[in-house]
Amino acid sequence: MEKRICLFCNEAINGRSDKKFCSDLCRNAHNNKLNSNENNYVRNLILMLRKNRRILQHVLTTDKITLAKQKLLDLGFNFKYITHTQITRNGHQYNYCFEYGYMLLDSGLVLVVKKQIESEHKS
């Protein structure tokens, strides 16, 4: 019978013939190592989008607000990360981080809004 070794720690494996790891610890460590490299880009992207969303949520104290672009930058907002855009009939472009959006205005100002979500419309 061929001696089987753990894919993670190279120790001998006892038990079922189809086992690939000597323990749950090694199996989890192996899968975490694989996933951390592959998903690191996506994880960081989602973190930036969520941070941008929190910042927009924080500054939006009314239905809409106009503030200096620099204020958002000072809070850590990164204008490179958005989930989608919307162009109005008037040709204005809104950039969104989930349901919170903004439109860049002249002279360094930003208009921040919140898109109505379908469940909020129902009574």
PDB file of N, CA and C in Angstrom:
ATOM      1  N   MET A   1       0.839  -1.191   0.000  1.00  0.00           N
ATOM      2  CA  MET A   1       0.000   0.000   0.000  1.00  0.00           C
ATOM      3  C   MET A   1       0.881   1.251   0.000  1.00  0.00           C
ATOM      4  N   GLU A   2       0.530   2.181  -0.860  1.00  0.00           N
ATOM      5  CA  GLU A   2       1.314   3.407  -0.998  1.00  0.00           C
ATOM      6  C   GLU A   2       1.081   4.319   0.198  1.00  0.00           C
ATOM      7  N   LYS A   3       2.173   4.892   0.702  1.00  0.00           N
ATOM      8  CA  LYS A   3       2.075   5.802   1.844  1.00  0.00           C
ATOM      9  C   LYS A   3       1.577   7.162   1.348  1.00  0.00           C
ATOM     10  N   ARG A   4       0.527   7.664   1.993  1.00  0.00           N
ATOM     11  CA  ARG A   4      -0.047   8.947   1.601  1.00  0.00           C
ATOM     12  C   ARG A   4       0.467  10.033   2.543  1.00  0.00           C
ATOM     13  N   ILE A   5       0.704  11.232   1.965  1.00  0.00           N
ATOM     14  CA  ILE A   5       1.175  12.347   2.792  1.00  0.00           C
ATOM     15  C   ILE A   5       0.220  13.529   2.652  1.00  0.00           C
ATOM     16  N   CYS A   6       0.152  14.314   3.708  1.00  0.00           N
ATOM     17  CA  CYS A   6      -0.708  15.499   3.769  1.00  0.00           C
ATOM     18  C   CYS A   6      -0.231  16.533   2.750  1.00  0.00           C
ATOM     19  N   LEU A   7      -1.161  17.112   2.013  1.00  0.00           N
ATOM     20  CA  LEU A   7      -0.818  18.127   1.013  1.00  0.00           C
ATOM     21  C   LEU A   7      -0.296  19.421   1.635  1.00  0.00           C
ATOM     22  N   PHE A   8      -0.558  19.620   2.919  1.00  0.00           N
ATOM     23  CA  PHE A   8      -0.132  20.866   3.552  1.00  0.00           C
ATOM     24  C   PHE A   8       1.156  20.700   4.358  1.00  0.00           C
ATOM     25  N   CYS A   9       1.181  19.713   5.265  1.00  0.00           N
ATOM     26  CA  CYS A   9       2.334  19.603   6.177  1.00  0.00           C
ATOM     27  C   CYS A   9       3.269  18.438   5.853  1.00  0.00           C
ATOM     28  N   ASN A  10       2.932  17.634   4.846  1.00  0.00           N
ATOM     29  CA  ASN A  10       3.745  16.493   4.415  1.00  0.00           C
ATOM     30  C   ASN A  10       3.883  15.389   5.458  1.00  0.00           C
ATOM     31  N   GLU A  11       2.979  15.340   6.409  1.00  0.00           N
ATOM     32  CA  GLU A  11       2.955  14.253   7.398  1.00  0.00           C
ATOM     33  C   GLU A  11       2.171  13.073   6.827  1.00  0.00           C
ATOM     34  N   ALA A  12       2.390  11.899   7.400  1.00  0.00           N
ATOM     35  CA  ALA A  12       1.675  10.698   6.965  1.00  0.00           C
ATOM     36  C   ALA A  12       0.188  10.829   7.291  1.00  0.00           C
ATOM     37  N   ILE A  13      -0.648  10.284   6.399  1.00  0.00           N
ATOM     38  CA  ILE A  13      -2.098  10.328   6.585  1.00  0.00           C
ATOM     39  C   ILE A  13      -2.587   8.939   6.967  1.00  0.00           C
ATOM     40  N   ASN A  14      -3.401   8.873   8.001  1.00  0.00           N
ATOM     41  CA  ASN A  14      -4.045   7.632   8.415  1.00  0.00           C
ATOM     42  C   ASN A  14      -5.533   7.751   8.159  1.00  0.00           C
ATOM     43  N   GLY A  15      -6.178   6.622   7.891  1.00  0.00           N
ATOM     44  CA  GLY A  15      -7.624   6.645   7.717  1.00  0.00           C
ATOM     45  C   GLY A  15      -8.024   6.347   6.295  1.00  0.00           C
ATOM     46  N   ARG A  16      -9.081   6.969   5.848  1.00  0.00           N
ATOM     47  CA  ARG A  16      -9.656   6.691   4.534  1.00  0.00           C
ATOM     48  C   ARG A  16      -8.639   6.876   3.413  1.00  0.00           C
ATOM     49  N   SER A  17      -8.806   6.104   2.372  1.00  0.00           N
ATOM     50  CA  SER A  17      -7.843   6.129   1.268  1.00  0.00           C
ATOM     51  C   SER A  17      -7.947   7.390   0.409  1.00  0.00           C
ATOM     52  N   ASP A  18      -9.067   8.110   0.503  1.00  0.00           N
ATOM     53  CA  ASP A  18      -9.233   9.315  -0.318  1.00  0.00           C
ATOM     54  C   ASP A  18      -8.909  10.608   0.433  1.00  0.00           C
ATOM     55  N   LYS A  19      -8.412  10.491   1.670  1.00  0.00           N
ATOM     56  CA  LYS A  19      -8.051  11.695   2.436  1.00  0.00           C
ATOM     57  C   LYS A  19      -6.833  12.369   1.814  1.00  0.00           C
ATOM     58  N   LYS A  20      -6.839  13.680   1.792  1.00  0.00           N
ATOM     59  CA  LYS A  20      -5.720  14.441   1.246  1.00  0.00           C
ATOM     60  C   LYS A  20      -4.962  15.201   2.326  1.00  0.00           C
ATOM     61  N   PHE A  21      -5.580  15.348   3.489  1.00  0.00           N
ATOM     62  CA  PHE A  21      -4.982  16.108   4.587  1.00  0.00           C
ATOM     63  C   PHE A  21      -5.025  15.278   5.857  1.00  0.00           C
ATOM     64  N   CYS A  22      -4.062  15.503   6.734  1.00  0.00           N
ATOM     65  CA  CYS A  22      -4.000  14.720   7.967  1.00  0.00           C
ATOM     66  C   CYS A  22      -4.985  15.217   9.015  1.00  0.00           C
ATOM     67  N   SER A  23      -5.461  16.461   8.877  1.00  0.00           N
ATOM     68  CA  SER A  23      -6.386  17.012   9.871  1.00  0.00           C
ATOM     69  C   SER A  23      -7.204  18.139   9.256  1.00  0.00           C
ATOM     70  N   ASP A  24      -8.250  18.529   9.978  1.00  0.00           N
ATOM     71  CA  ASP A  24      -9.050  19.682   9.540  1.00  0.00           C
ATOM     72  C   ASP A  24      -8.212  20.952   9.540  1.00  0.00           C
ATOM     73  N   LEU A  25      -7.294  21.060  10.491  1.00  0.00           N
ATOM     74  CA  LEU A  25      -6.423  22.234  10.573  1.00  0.00           C
ATOM     75  C   LEU A  25      -5.607  22.392   9.289  1.00  0.00           C
ATOM     76  N   CYS A  26      -4.999  21.292   8.825  1.00  0.00           N
ATOM     77  CA  CYS A  26      -4.208  21.357   7.591  1.00  0.00           C
ATOM     78  C   CYS A  26      -5.095  21.630   6.373  1.00  0.00           C
ATOM     79  N   ARG A  27      -6.271  21.018   6.325  1.00  0.00           N
ATOM     80  CA  ARG A  27      -7.194  21.250   5.209  1.00  0.00           C
ATOM     81  C   ARG A  27      -7.597  22.724   5.152  1.00  0.00           C
ATOM     82  N   ASN A  28      -7.963  23.289   6.308  1.00  0.00           N
ATOM     83  CA  ASN A  28      -8.351  24.706   6.357  1.00  0.00           C
ATOM     84  C   ASN A  28      -7.188  25.617   6.001  1.00  0.00           C
ATOM     85  N   ALA A  29      -6.007  25.325   6.535  1.00  0.00           N
ATOM     86  CA  ALA A  29      -4.831  26.156   6.259  1.00  0.00           C
ATOM     87  C   ALA A  29      -4.490  26.125   4.767  1.00  0.00           C
ATOM     88  N   HIS A  30      -4.575  24.947   4.169  1.00  0.00           N
ATOM     89  CA  HIS A  30      -4.293  24.803   2.733  1.00  0.00           C
ATOM     90  C   HIS A  30      -5.284  25.622   1.901  1.00  0.00           C
ATOM     91  N   ASN A  31      -6.569  25.483   2.188  1.00  0.00           N
ATOM     92  CA  ASN A  31      -7.589  26.215   1.430  1.00  0.00           C
ATOM     93  C   ASN A  31      -7.510  27.716   1.667  1.00  0.00           C
ATOM     94  N   ASN A  32      -7.221  28.129   2.891  1.00  0.00           N
ATOM     95  CA  ASN A  32      -7.060  29.563   3.174  1.00  0.00           C
ATOM     96  C   ASN A  32      -5.887  30.146   2.404  1.00  0.00           C
ATOM     97  N   LYS A  33      -4.802  29.385   2.311  1.00  0.00           N
ATOM     98  CA  LYS A  33      -3.629  29.853   1.573  1.00  0.00           C
ATOM     99  C   LYS A  33      -3.964  30.018   0.089  1.00  0.00           C
ATOM    100  N   LEU A  34      -4.666  29.041  -0.478  1.00  0.00           N
ATOM    101  CA  LEU A  34      -5.070  29.140  -1.883  1.00  0.00           C
ATOM    102  C   LEU A  34      -5.995  30.324  -2.118  1.00  0.00           C
ATOM    103  N   ASN A  35      -7.000  30.457  -1.285  1.00  0.00           N
ATOM    104  CA  ASN A  35      -8.001  31.507  -1.471  1.00  0.00           C
ATOM    105  C   ASN A  35      -7.464  32.894  -1.196  1.00  0.00           C
ATOM    106  N   SER A  36      -6.528  33.032  -0.287  1.00  0.00           N
ATOM    107  CA  SER A  36      -6.036  34.369   0.047  1.00  0.00           C
ATOM    108  C   SER A  36      -5.335  35.008  -1.141  1.00  0.00           C
ATOM    109  N   ASN A  37      -4.593  34.227  -1.897  1.00  0.00           N
ATOM    110  CA  ASN A  37      -3.900  34.781  -3.059  1.00  0.00           C
ATOM    111  C   ASN A  37      -4.870  35.125  -4.178  1.00  0.00           C
ATOM    112  N   GLU A  38      -5.823  34.250  -4.435  1.00  0.00           N
ATOM    113  CA  GLU A  38      -6.748  34.454  -5.544  1.00  0.00           C
ATOM    114  C   GLU A  38      -7.769  35.549  -5.253  1.00  0.00           C
ATOM    115  N   ASN A  39      -8.201  35.662  -4.031  1.00  0.00           N
ATOM    116  CA  ASN A  39      -9.286  36.583  -3.699  1.00  0.00           C
ATOM    117  C   ASN A  39      -8.813  37.910  -3.118  1.00  0.00           C
ATOM    118  N   ASN A  40      -7.522  38.101  -2.978  1.00  0.00           N
ATOM    119  CA  ASN A  40      -7.007  39.316  -2.358  1.00  0.00           C
ATOM    120  C   ASN A  40      -7.426  40.570  -3.134  1.00  0.00           C
ATOM    121  N   TYR A  41      -7.351  40.522  -4.461  1.00  0.00           N
ATOM    122  CA  TYR A  41      -7.738  41.673  -5.283  1.00  0.00           C
ATOM    123  C   TYR A  41      -9.211  42.019  -5.070  1.00  0.00           C
ATOM    124  N   VAL A  42     -10.068  41.012  -5.122  1.00  0.00           N
ATOM    125  CA  VAL A  42     -11.507  41.232  -4.960  1.00  0.00           C
ATOM    126  C   VAL A  42     -11.812  41.725  -3.555  1.00  0.00           C
ATOM    127  N   ARG A  43     -11.171  41.145  -2.565  1.00  0.00           N
ATOM    128  CA  ARG A  43     -11.391  41.549  -1.172  1.00  0.00           C
ATOM    129  C   ARG A  43     -11.038  43.023  -0.974  1.00  0.00           C
ATOM    130  N   ASN A  44      -9.901  43.448  -1.513  1.00  0.00           N
ATOM    131  CA  ASN A  44      -9.487  44.852  -1.382  1.00  0.00           C
ATOM    132  C   ASN A  44     -10.423  45.790  -2.137  1.00  0.00           C
ATOM    133  N   LEU A  45     -10.896  45.358  -3.294  1.00  0.00           N
ATOM    134  CA  LEU A  45     -11.839  46.165  -4.069  1.00  0.00           C
ATOM    135  C   LEU A  45     -13.141  46.369  -3.300  1.00  0.00           C
ATOM    136  N   ILE A  46     -13.663  45.307  -2.720  1.00  0.00           N
ATOM    137  CA  ILE A  46     -14.905  45.403  -1.948  1.00  0.00           C
ATOM    138  C   ILE A  46     -14.706  46.281  -0.718  1.00  0.00           C
ATOM    139  N   LEU A  47     -13.555  46.173  -0.075  1.00  0.00           N
ATOM    140  CA  LEU A  47     -13.276  47.033   1.085  1.00  0.00           C
ATOM    141  C   LEU A  47     -13.291  48.508   0.694  1.00  0.00           C
ATOM    142  N   MET A  48     -12.704  48.850  -0.465  1.00  0.00           N
ATOM    143  CA  MET A  48     -12.691  50.245  -0.912  1.00  0.00           C
ATOM    144  C   MET A  48     -14.104  50.727  -1.243  1.00  0.00           C
ATOM    145  N   LEU A  49     -14.901  49.882  -1.891  1.00  0.00           N
ATOM    146  CA  LEU A  49     -16.280  50.262  -2.215  1.00  0.00           C
ATOM    147  C   LEU A  49     -17.097  50.482  -0.946  1.00  0.00           C
ATOM    148  N   ARG A  50     -16.927  49.614   0.027  1.00  0.00           N
ATOM    149  CA  ARG A  50     -17.672  49.754   1.284  1.00  0.00           C
ATOM    150  C   ARG A  50     -17.226  51.002   2.043  1.00  0.00           C
ATOM    151  N   LYS A  51     -15.931  51.309   1.991  1.00  0.00           N
ATOM    152  CA  LYS A  51     -15.433  52.522   2.647  1.00  0.00           C
ATOM    153  C   LYS A  51     -16.036  53.760   1.986  1.00  0.00           C
ATOM    154  N   ASN A  52     -16.038  53.790   0.660  1.00  0.00           N
ATOM    155  CA  ASN A  52     -16.648  54.911  -0.058  1.00  0.00           C
ATOM    156  C   ASN A  52     -18.122  55.047   0.292  1.00  0.00           C
ATOM    157  N   ARG A  53     -18.837  53.927   0.359  1.00  0.00           N
ATOM    158  CA  ARG A  53     -20.262  53.954   0.707  1.00  0.00           C
ATOM    159  C   ARG A  53     -20.469  54.534   2.096  1.00  0.00           C
ATOM    160  N   ARG A  54     -19.660  54.099   3.058  1.00  0.00           N
ATOM    161  CA  ARG A  54     -19.786  54.612   4.436  1.00  0.00           C
ATOM    162  C   ARG A  54     -19.538  56.113   4.495  1.00  0.00           C
ATOM    163  N   ILE A  55     -18.572  56.594   3.731  1.00  0.00           N
ATOM    164  CA  ILE A  55     -18.272  58.029   3.711  1.00  0.00           C
ATOM    165  C   ILE A  55     -19.451  58.805   3.128  1.00  0.00           C
ATOM    166  N   LEU A  56     -20.003  58.340   2.017  1.00  0.00           N
ATOM    167  CA  LEU A  56     -21.163  59.016   1.421  1.00  0.00           C
ATOM    168  C   LEU A  56     -22.353  58.981   2.370  1.00  0.00           C
ATOM    169  N   GLN A  57     -22.570  57.867   3.018  1.00  0.00           N
ATOM    170  CA  GLN A  57     -23.665  57.744   3.992  1.00  0.00           C
ATOM    171  C   GLN A  57     -23.459  58.722   5.149  1.00  0.00           C
ATOM    172  N   HIS A  58     -22.219  58.869   5.586  1.00  0.00           N
ATOM    173  CA  HIS A  58     -21.894  59.755   6.709  1.00  0.00           C
ATOM    174  C   HIS A  58     -22.168  61.226   6.378  1.00  0.00           C
ATOM    175  N   VAL A  59     -21.800  61.658   5.177  1.00  0.00           N
ATOM    176  CA  VAL A  59     -21.951  63.082   4.834  1.00  0.00           C
ATOM    177  C   VAL A  59     -23.369  63.436   4.418  1.00  0.00           C
ATOM    178  N   LEU A  60     -24.152  62.451   4.004  1.00  0.00           N
ATOM    179  CA  LEU A  60     -25.507  62.717   3.528  1.00  0.00           C
ATOM    180  C   LEU A  60     -26.466  62.784   4.711  1.00  0.00           C
ATOM    181  N   THR A  61     -26.668  63.995   5.205  1.00  0.00           N
ATOM    182  CA  THR A  61     -27.534  64.199   6.370  1.00  0.00           C
ATOM    183  C   THR A  61     -28.953  64.591   5.974  1.00  0.00           C
ATOM    184  N   THR A  62     -29.160  64.912   4.695  1.00  0.00           N
ATOM    185  CA  THR A  62     -30.490  65.238   4.164  1.00  0.00           C
ATOM    186  C   THR A  62     -30.688  64.433   2.878  1.00  0.00           C
ATOM    187  N   ASP A  63     -31.744  64.744   2.122  1.00  0.00           N
ATOM    188  CA  ASP A  63     -31.992  64.019   0.869  1.00  0.00           C
ATOM    189  C   ASP A  63     -30.837  64.155  -0.119  1.00  0.00           C
ATOM    190  N   LYS A  64     -30.265  65.351  -0.172  1.00  0.00           N
ATOM    191  CA  LYS A  64     -29.098  65.600  -1.009  1.00  0.00           C
ATOM    192  C   LYS A  64     -28.284  66.707  -0.374  1.00  0.00           C
ATOM    193  N   ILE A  65     -27.001  66.706  -0.657  1.00  0.00           N
ATOM    194  CA  ILE A  65     -26.121  67.706  -0.053  1.00  0.00           C
ATOM    195  C   ILE A  65     -25.008  68.041  -1.039  1.00  0.00           C
ATOM    196  N   THR A  66     -24.616  69.300  -1.045  1.00  0.00           N
ATOM    197  CA  THR A  66     -23.495  69.747  -1.861  1.00  0.00           C
ATOM    198  C   THR A  66     -22.348  70.099  -0.928  1.00  0.00           C
ATOM    199  N   LEU A  67     -21.180  69.564  -1.240  1.00  0.00           N
ATOM    200  CA  LEU A  67     -20.012  69.842  -0.409  1.00  0.00           C
ATOM    201  C   LEU A  67     -18.765  69.845  -1.263  1.00  0.00           C
ATOM    202  N   ALA A  68     -17.672  70.292  -0.680  1.00  0.00           N
ATOM    203  CA  ALA A  68     -16.412  70.369  -1.407  1.00  0.00           C
ATOM    204  C   ALA A  68     -15.860  68.966  -1.659  1.00  0.00           C
ATOM    205  N   LYS A  69     -15.337  68.768  -2.851  1.00  0.00           N
ATOM    206  CA  LYS A  69     -14.714  67.489  -3.199  1.00  0.00           C
ATOM    207  C   LYS A  69     -13.598  67.163  -2.212  1.00  0.00           C
ATOM    208  N   GLN A  70     -12.888  68.192  -1.780  1.00  0.00           N
ATOM    209  CA  GLN A  70     -11.781  68.005  -0.843  1.00  0.00           C
ATOM    210  C   GLN A  70     -12.252  67.403   0.479  1.00  0.00           C
ATOM    211  N   LYS A  71     -13.464  67.731   0.903  1.00  0.00           N
ATOM    212  CA  LYS A  71     -14.024  67.174   2.147  1.00  0.00           C
ATOM    213  C   LYS A  71     -14.100  65.645   2.053  1.00  0.00           C
ATOM    214  N   LEU A  72     -14.587  65.142   0.909  1.00  0.00           N
ATOM    215  CA  LEU A  72     -14.644  63.692   0.707  1.00  0.00           C
ATOM    216  C   LEU A  72     -13.240  63.090   0.678  1.00  0.00           C
ATOM    217  N   LEU A  73     -12.322  63.773   0.007  1.00  0.00           N
ATOM    218  CA  LEU A  73     -10.939  63.284  -0.035  1.00  0.00           C
ATOM    219  C   LEU A  73     -10.333  63.235   1.364  1.00  0.00           C
ATOM    220  N   ASP A  74     -10.606  64.264   2.165  1.00  0.00           N
ATOM    221  CA  ASP A  74     -10.082  64.306   3.536  1.00  0.00           C
ATOM    222  C   ASP A  74     -10.620  63.161   4.387  1.00  0.00           C
ATOM    223  N   LEU A  75     -11.838  62.711   4.088  1.00  0.00           N
ATOM    224  CA  LEU A  75     -12.442  61.600   4.825  1.00  0.00           C
ATOM    225  C   LEU A  75     -11.958  60.241   4.315  1.00  0.00           C
ATOM    226  N   GLY A  76     -11.159  60.251   3.240  1.00  0.00           N
ATOM    227  CA  GLY A  76     -10.609  59.005   2.708  1.00  0.00           C
ATOM    228  C   GLY A  76     -11.334  58.457   1.497  1.00  0.00           C
ATOM    229  N   PHE A  77     -12.236  59.243   0.921  1.00  0.00           N
ATOM    230  CA  PHE A  77     -12.987  58.795  -0.250  1.00  0.00           C
ATOM    231  C   PHE A  77     -12.042  58.645  -1.437  1.00  0.00           C
ATOM    232  N   ASN A  78     -12.210  57.573  -2.203  1.00  0.00           N
ATOM    233  CA  ASN A  78     -11.397  57.334  -3.389  1.00  0.00           C
ATOM    234  C   ASN A  78     -12.323  57.342  -4.606  1.00  0.00           C
ATOM    235  N   PHE A  79     -12.176  58.352  -5.452  1.00  0.00           N
ATOM    236  CA  PHE A  79     -13.074  58.542  -6.589  1.00  0.00           C
ATOM    237  C   PHE A  79     -12.887  57.492  -7.689  1.00  0.00           C
ATOM    238  N   LYS A  80     -11.867  56.650  -7.593  1.00  0.00           N
ATOM    239  CA  LYS A  80     -11.648  55.606  -8.596  1.00  0.00           C
ATOM    240  C   LYS A  80     -12.584  54.416  -8.422  1.00  0.00           C
ATOM    241  N   TYR A  81     -13.178  54.260  -7.242  1.00  0.00           N
ATOM    242  CA  TYR A  81     -13.962  53.063  -6.943  1.00  0.00           C
ATOM    243  C   TYR A  81     -15.452  53.374  -6.881  1.00  0.00           C
ATOM    244  N   ILE A  82     -16.197  52.883  -7.873  1.00  0.00           N
ATOM    245  CA  ILE A  82     -17.652  53.047  -7.925  1.00  0.00           C
ATOM    246  C   ILE A  82     -18.272  51.717  -8.360  1.00  0.00           C
ATOM    247  N   THR A  83     -19.557  51.541  -8.063  1.00  0.00           N
ATOM    248  CA  THR A  83     -20.232  50.321  -8.500  1.00  0.00           C
ATOM    249  C   THR A  83     -20.897  50.496  -9.857  1.00  0.00           C
ATOM    250  N   HIS A  84     -21.420  51.682 -10.130  1.00  0.00           N
ATOM    251  CA  HIS A  84     -22.062  51.922 -11.417  1.00  0.00           C
ATOM    252  C   HIS A  84     -22.250  53.416 -11.633  1.00  0.00           C
ATOM    253  N   THR A  85     -22.647  53.768 -12.863  1.00  0.00           N
ATOM    254  CA  THR A  85     -22.936  55.163 -13.205  1.00  0.00           C
ATOM    255  C   THR A  85     -24.358  55.256 -13.739  1.00  0.00           C
ATOM    256  N   GLN A  86     -24.880  56.469 -13.692  1.00  0.00           N
ATOM    257  CA  GLN A  86     -26.204  56.730 -14.248  1.00  0.00           C
ATOM    258  C   GLN A  86     -26.156  58.085 -14.941  1.00  0.00           C
ATOM    259  N   ILE A  87     -26.627  58.130 -16.179  1.00  0.00           N
ATOM    260  CA  ILE A  87     -26.686  59.379 -16.934  1.00  0.00           C
ATOM    261  C   ILE A  87     -28.141  59.824 -16.960  1.00  0.00           C
ATOM    262  N   THR A  88     -28.389  61.052 -16.532  1.00  0.00           N
ATOM    263  CA  THR A  88     -29.760  61.576 -16.502  1.00  0.00           C
ATOM    264  C   THR A  88     -30.182  62.029 -17.900  1.00  0.00           C
ATOM    265  N   ARG A  89     -31.454  62.352 -18.035  1.00  0.00           N
ATOM    266  CA  ARG A  89     -31.963  62.866 -19.320  1.00  0.00           C
ATOM    267  C   ARG A  89     -31.250  64.155 -19.720  1.00  0.00           C
ATOM    268  N   ASN A  90     -30.812  64.909 -18.719  1.00  0.00           N
ATOM    269  CA  ASN A  90     -30.106  66.172 -18.981  1.00  0.00           C
ATOM    270  C   ASN A  90     -28.636  65.954 -19.317  1.00  0.00           C
ATOM    271  N   GLY A  91     -28.179  64.703 -19.286  1.00  0.00           N
ATOM    272  CA  GLY A  91     -26.788  64.408 -19.614  1.00  0.00           C
ATOM    273  C   GLY A  91     -25.835  64.473 -18.440  1.00  0.00           C
ATOM    274  N   HIS A  92     -26.353  64.617 -17.228  1.00  0.00           N
ATOM    275  CA  HIS A  92     -25.490  64.634 -16.046  1.00  0.00           C
ATOM    276  C   HIS A  92     -25.152  63.202 -15.629  1.00  0.00           C
ATOM    277  N   GLN A  93     -23.909  62.987 -15.248  1.00  0.00           N
ATOM    278  CA  GLN A  93     -23.479  61.649 -14.836  1.00  0.00           C
ATOM    279  C   GLN A  93     -23.371  61.563 -13.320  1.00  0.00           C
ATOM    280  N   TYR A  94     -24.055  60.581 -12.748  1.00  0.00           N
ATOM    281  CA  TYR A  94     -23.942  60.258 -11.328  1.00  0.00           C
ATOM    282  C   TYR A  94     -23.118  58.984 -11.199  1.00  0.00           C
ATOM    283  N   ASN A  95     -22.169  58.998 -10.292  1.00  0.00           N
ATOM    284  CA  ASN A  95     -21.368  57.818  -9.976  1.00  0.00           C
ATOM    285  C   ASN A  95     -21.863  57.270  -8.646  1.00  0.00           C
ATOM    286  N   TYR A  96     -22.026  55.957  -8.560  1.00  0.00           N
ATOM    287  CA  TYR A  96     -22.610  55.348  -7.365  1.00  0.00           C
ATOM    288  C   TYR A  96     -21.663  54.366  -6.693  1.00  0.00           C
ATOM    289  N   CYS A  97     -21.775  54.336  -5.377  1.00  0.00           N
ATOM    290  CA  CYS A  97     -21.233  53.267  -4.538  1.00  0.00           C
ATOM    291  C   CYS A  97     -22.457  52.638  -3.897  1.00  0.00           C
ATOM    292  N   PHE A  98     -22.943  51.604  -4.535  1.00  0.00           N
ATOM    293  CA  PHE A  98     -24.187  50.953  -4.145  1.00  0.00           C
ATOM    294  C   PHE A  98     -25.331  51.965  -4.274  1.00  0.00           C
ATOM    295  N   GLU A  99     -26.084  52.260  -3.224  1.00  0.00           N
ATOM    296  CA  GLU A  99     -27.230  53.165  -3.374  1.00  0.00           C
ATOM    297  C   GLU A  99     -26.872  54.634  -3.168  1.00  0.00           C
ATOM    298  N   TYR A 100     -25.649  54.934  -2.754  1.00  0.00           N
ATOM    299  CA  TYR A 100     -25.219  56.322  -2.550  1.00  0.00           C
ATOM    300  C   TYR A 100     -24.450  56.791  -3.779  1.00  0.00           C
ATOM    301  N   GLY A 101     -24.820  57.975  -4.267  1.00  0.00           N
ATOM    302  CA  GLY A 101     -24.191  58.476  -5.471  1.00  0.00           C
ATOM    303  C   GLY A 101     -23.713  59.902  -5.328  1.00  0.00           C
ATOM    304  N   TYR A 102     -22.933  60.312  -6.311  1.00  0.00           N
ATOM    305  CA  TYR A 102     -22.448  61.689  -6.327  1.00  0.00           C
ATOM    306  C   TYR A 102     -22.298  62.148  -7.769  1.00  0.00           C
ATOM    307  N   MET A 103     -22.391  63.457  -7.935  1.00  0.00           N
ATOM    308  CA  MET A 103     -22.159  64.084  -9.227  1.00  0.00           C
ATOM    309  C   MET A 103     -21.131  65.182  -9.010  1.00  0.00           C
ATOM    310  N   LEU A 104     -20.095  65.169  -9.829  1.00  0.00           N
ATOM    311  CA  LEU A 104     -19.075  66.208  -9.751  1.00  0.00           C
ATOM    312  C   LEU A 104     -19.622  67.481 -10.376  1.00  0.00           C
ATOM    313  N   LEU A 105     -19.548  68.576  -9.630  1.00  0.00           N
ATOM    314  CA  LEU A 105     -20.022  69.878 -10.093  1.00  0.00           C
ATOM    315  C   LEU A 105     -18.831  70.775 -10.396  1.00  0.00           C
ATOM    316  N   ASP A 106     -19.128  71.949 -10.901  1.00  0.00           N
ATOM    317  CA  ASP A 106     -18.069  72.918 -11.188  1.00  0.00           C
ATOM    318  C   ASP A 106     -17.442  73.424  -9.896  1.00  0.00           C
ATOM    319  N   SER A 107     -16.276  73.984 -10.029  1.00  0.00           N
ATOM    320  CA  SER A 107     -15.533  74.642  -8.943  1.00  0.00           C
ATOM    321  C   SER A 107     -15.306  73.745  -7.727  1.00  0.00           C
ATOM    322  N   GLY A 108     -15.020  72.460  -7.969  1.00  0.00           N
ATOM    323  CA  GLY A 108     -14.605  71.570  -6.887  1.00  0.00           C
ATOM    324  C   GLY A 108     -15.695  71.131  -5.938  1.00  0.00           C
ATOM    325  N   LEU A 109     -16.944  71.204  -6.362  1.00  0.00           N
ATOM    326  CA  LEU A 109     -18.052  70.780  -5.505  1.00  0.00           C
ATOM    327  C   LEU A 109     -18.588  69.420  -5.954  1.00  0.00           C
ATOM    328  N   VAL A 110     -19.243  68.737  -5.021  1.00  0.00           N
ATOM    329  CA  VAL A 110     -19.835  67.429  -5.290  1.00  0.00           C
ATOM    330  C   VAL A 110     -21.246  67.413  -4.724  1.00  0.00           C
ATOM    331  N   LEU A 111     -22.196  66.934  -5.516  1.00  0.00           N
ATOM    332  CA  LEU A 111     -23.567  66.732  -5.058  1.00  0.00           C
ATOM    333  C   LEU A 111     -23.705  65.264  -4.674  1.00  0.00           C
ATOM    334  N   VAL A 112     -24.094  64.995  -3.424  1.00  0.00           N
ATOM    335  CA  VAL A 112     -24.248  63.623  -2.928  1.00  0.00           C
ATOM    336  C   VAL A 112     -25.737  63.330  -2.774  1.00  0.00           C
ATOM    337  N   VAL A 113     -26.164  62.157  -3.261  1.00  0.00           N
ATOM    338  CA  VAL A 113     -27.572  61.756  -3.219  1.00  0.00           C
ATOM    339  C   VAL A 113     -27.670  60.290  -2.799  1.00  0.00           C
ATOM    340  N   LYS A 114     -28.899  59.874  -2.502  1.00  0.00           N
ATOM    341  CA  LYS A 114     -29.169  58.463  -2.229  1.00  0.00           C
ATOM    342  C   LYS A 114     -30.260  58.008  -3.180  1.00  0.00           C
ATOM    343  N   LYS A 115     -29.995  56.920  -3.889  1.00  0.00           N
ATOM    344  CA  LYS A 115     -30.984  56.361  -4.819  1.00  0.00           C
ATOM    345  C   LYS A 115     -32.055  55.647  -4.016  1.00  0.00           C
ATOM    346  N   GLN A 116     -33.308  55.842  -4.410  1.00  0.00           N
ATOM    347  CA  GLN A 116     -34.414  55.148  -3.754  1.00  0.00           C
ATOM    348  C   GLN A 116     -34.348  53.674  -4.120  1.00  0.00           C
ATOM    349  N   ILE A 117     -34.399  52.819  -3.122  1.00  0.00           N
ATOM    350  CA  ILE A 117     -34.401  51.377  -3.337  1.00  0.00           C
ATOM    351  C   ILE A 117     -35.846  50.916  -3.415  1.00  0.00           C
ATOM    352  N   GLU A 118     -36.121  49.929  -4.243  1.00  0.00           N
ATOM    353  CA  GLU A 118     -37.490  49.456  -4.479  1.00  0.00           C
ATOM    354  C   GLU A 118     -38.259  49.194  -3.190  1.00  0.00           C
ATOM    355  N   SER A 119     -37.648  48.559  -2.202  1.00  0.00           N
ATOM    356  CA  SER A 119     -38.360  48.232  -0.961  1.00  0.00           C
ATOM    357  C   SER A 119     -38.744  49.478  -0.170  1.00  0.00           C
ATOM    358  N   GLU A 120     -38.050  50.596  -0.400  1.00  0.00           N
ATOM    359  CA  GLU A 120     -38.376  51.842   0.292  1.00  0.00           C
ATOM    360  C   GLU A 120     -39.610  52.505  -0.307  1.00  0.00           C
ATOM    361  N   HIS A 121     -39.960  52.163  -1.559  1.00  0.00           N
ATOM    362  CA  HIS A 121     -41.121  52.762  -2.221  1.00  0.00           C
ATOM    363  C   HIS A 121     -42.430  52.161  -1.732  1.00  0.00           C
ATOM    364  N   LYS A 122     -42.399  50.908  -1.314  1.00  0.00           N
ATOM    365  CA  LYS A 122     -43.632  50.209  -0.938  1.00  0.00           C
ATOM    366  C   LYS A 122     -44.114  50.628   0.432  1.00  0.00           C
ATOM    367  N   SER A 123     -45.427  50.723   0.573  1.00  0.00           N
ATOM    368  CA  SER A 123     -46.011  51.102   1.861  1.00  0.00           C
ATOM    369  C   SER A 123     -46.725  49.937   2.481  1.00  0.00           C
TER     370      SER A 123
END
